[in-house]
Amino acid sequence: MKRLILLFMLAVSISILAVSCQAPQTQAPKTQEPQAQVQEPAVTCDRQCLVDLMQKYLAALVAHDPKAVPFAESAKFVESTANIPVGEGLWITATGGPGPFQIYAADPVAQQVACLVTMKETNKDVLLGARLKLVNGKITEAEHLVIRDDLSKQIANGHLVKPRPAFLEDLAETDRTPREDMLKAGAAYYVALTGEDGKLAPFADDCERRENGMTTAGTREPMSPMPITATDPDTKKMLEAMSRMPRTCEGQISTGSFTYITDIKDRRVYIADEQKGLVVGFSMFWHKSDIKTVKIKNVPGIDEMPSYQATFNLPAMHIYKIKGGKIYDIEAIGFTLPYGTRSGWE
């Protein structure tokens, strides 16, 4: 009996020892294989896609239907410096257009497109400068500058009937300028104006500038003598001096006659259309009117003239035609607002 008990105890001890000597079986925590997140490819527009979108945008304006174009939920919309909801402003008042005067500049790298076109607002002719920015195929920024001045003379003389051919033609590969150099050339225009030195921008000798459809610099077309009807002595003297200024883009600026421009702020040169050779810039001109006399350079017989007297800001859009690194044509728009007005994009 005693032996039986000893054998039983020995068997139990061996069993316990066997169990204790086994390697602990720990179950590894179950982990799910990380699945690679599939990112949707970014939606981008080529040049023609951007132009098509802008044309669709203009049609939507006239139809008063902002849902016809792909606005992002948080899109920013600024019209003539006012930050307003999408669907207001020209979205309500546009009644026709665009007319035959249409210029488009598209930059696939920046995913931005701009246009300068004639439109109808409450059945009256207006000029619209517009810019769209896309992110992943959605419009995140929309900008309008609307010129509501009387445009009848510019339409009658043909300046706002169709664009100058240079703004429509494609450049030959040999005449194209690298995109970054195009943007620098456009930005240099503002530097030349504030620096009172036309050589600071790469103007071609026969550069021509139009503002709101009026030719303000250039020698390609005959210009009638400036009518001087002012009765104020200072204004009359200023106009007489200006009538003797050089007509070239570079020469005009180098006279110093633009000294009355206090500053050009919020310079935004974003769009370079390499195919067309077009650069688009937006800016805000500030005129404090604190300069009473302007020193004139390079005009025989004129050393100074009364400065232009008016206190205002001027939001502006400029489209530059750049060929072989030189600025050949400028199409600009702008209108006056109270001094100190912000652009809405600071």
Foldseek 3Di string as FASTA:
>chain_A
DVVVVVVVVVVVVVVVVVVVPDDDDDDDDDDDDDDDDDDDDFAFDDFVRQVVLVVQVVVQLQVLHPVSAFADPQAWEAEQQRTDDPSDDSSPFFNFDFAQAKFKFAARVQQKIWMWGWTAGVHATKIWIWMFHDTSRHTRYIYIYIGPDHCVVLVVVPLRRYDDVLRVAFDDPVFFDPQVLLLVLVVQLQVLQQVLALVSHQADQQAWEDESNHTQAGDPDDDDQDDQDDPPVQSSQLSVVVSQFHRHSRRNSNQQLSNQFPHKPPWDWRTARRGSQKTKIKIKTFGQQPAQKTQTPDGPPDGIGGHDGDGWMKIKMWMFRGTNSHTRYIYMYIDTDHGPRDNNPD
